[in-house]
Protein backbone atom coordinates (compact mmCIF):
# COMPACT_ATOMS: atom_id res chain seq x y z
CA UNK A 1 0.01 -0.16 0.09
CA UNK A 2 0.89 3.26 -0.65
CA UNK A 3 1.35 6.27 1.75
CA UNK A 4 1.94 9.69 0.59
CA UNK A 5 3.29 12.07 4.21
CA UNK A 6 3.97 15.34 3.74
CA UNK A 7 6.81 16.44 6.32
CA UNK A 8 9.62 13.97 7.78
CA UNK A 9 9.02 11.16 9.56
CA UNK A 10 11.87 10.10 11.81
CA UNK A 11 11.73 6.09 11.16
CA UNK A 12 11.78 7.36 7.14
CA UNK A 13 14.71 6.50 4.71
CA UNK A 14 15.24 9.27 2.69
CA UNK A 15 18.57 7.87 0.89
CA UNK A 16 18.55 4.42 0.32
CA UNK A 17 21.79 4.27 -1.44
CA UNK A 18 23.23 5.11 1.99
CA UNK A 19 21.12 3.08 4.05
CA UNK A 20 21.73 -0.02 1.92
CA UNK A 21 25.37 0.24 2.24
CA UNK A 22 25.20 0.76 5.89
CA UNK A 23 22.79 -2.03 6.93
CA UNK A 24 23.02 -4.23 4.25
CA UNK A 25 23.64 -8.25 5.60
CA UNK A 26 24.69 -10.94 3.07
CA UNK A 27 22.08 -13.17 4.05
CA UNK A 28 19.50 -11.31 2.97
CA UNK A 29 20.72 -12.01 -0.92
CA UNK A 30 21.26 -16.02 0.09
CA UNK A 31 17.57 -16.24 2.06
CA UNK A 32 15.73 -18.99 0.38
CA UNK A 33 12.67 -16.59 0.03
CA UNK A 34 15.14 -14.25 -1.67
CA UNK A 35 16.26 -16.87 -3.83
CA UNK A 36 12.94 -17.40 -5.40
CA UNK A 37 12.09 -13.63 -5.71
CA UNK A 38 14.99 -12.97 -7.69
CA UNK A 39 14.25 -16.34 -9.44
CA UNK A 40 10.60 -15.32 -10.27
CA UNK A 41 11.47 -11.56 -11.17
CA UNK A 42 13.86 -11.78 -13.84
CA UNK A 43 14.92 -15.21 -13.97
CA UNK A 44 18.68 -15.19 -12.67
CA UNK A 45 19.92 -17.33 -10.12
CA UNK A 46 21.78 -16.38 -6.83
CA UNK A 47 24.99 -18.66 -6.65
CA UNK A 48 26.37 -16.77 -3.83
CA UNK A 49 26.11 -13.52 -1.95
CA UNK A 50 27.58 -11.39 -4.35
CA UNK A 51 27.53 -13.53 -7.41
CA UNK A 52 23.89 -13.70 -9.37
CA UNK A 53 23.92 -15.46 -12.96
CA UNK A 54 21.46 -13.42 -15.05
CA UNK A 55 20.54 -14.59 -18.52
CA UNK A 56 20.58 -10.77 -19.47
CA UNK A 57 24.01 -10.11 -18.09
């Protein structure tokens, strides 16, 4: 669901690049749910925490 808020929220993330660089965990990508989602969305196979076999690339 989309929520639009005018103003600032203390728990909101405004800069996603900085957020993920500082709070990313390798286990996120190797989780079984994440692997299935990535395979469903773009037909790529997760081989490891930094390696994805993509048919497009």
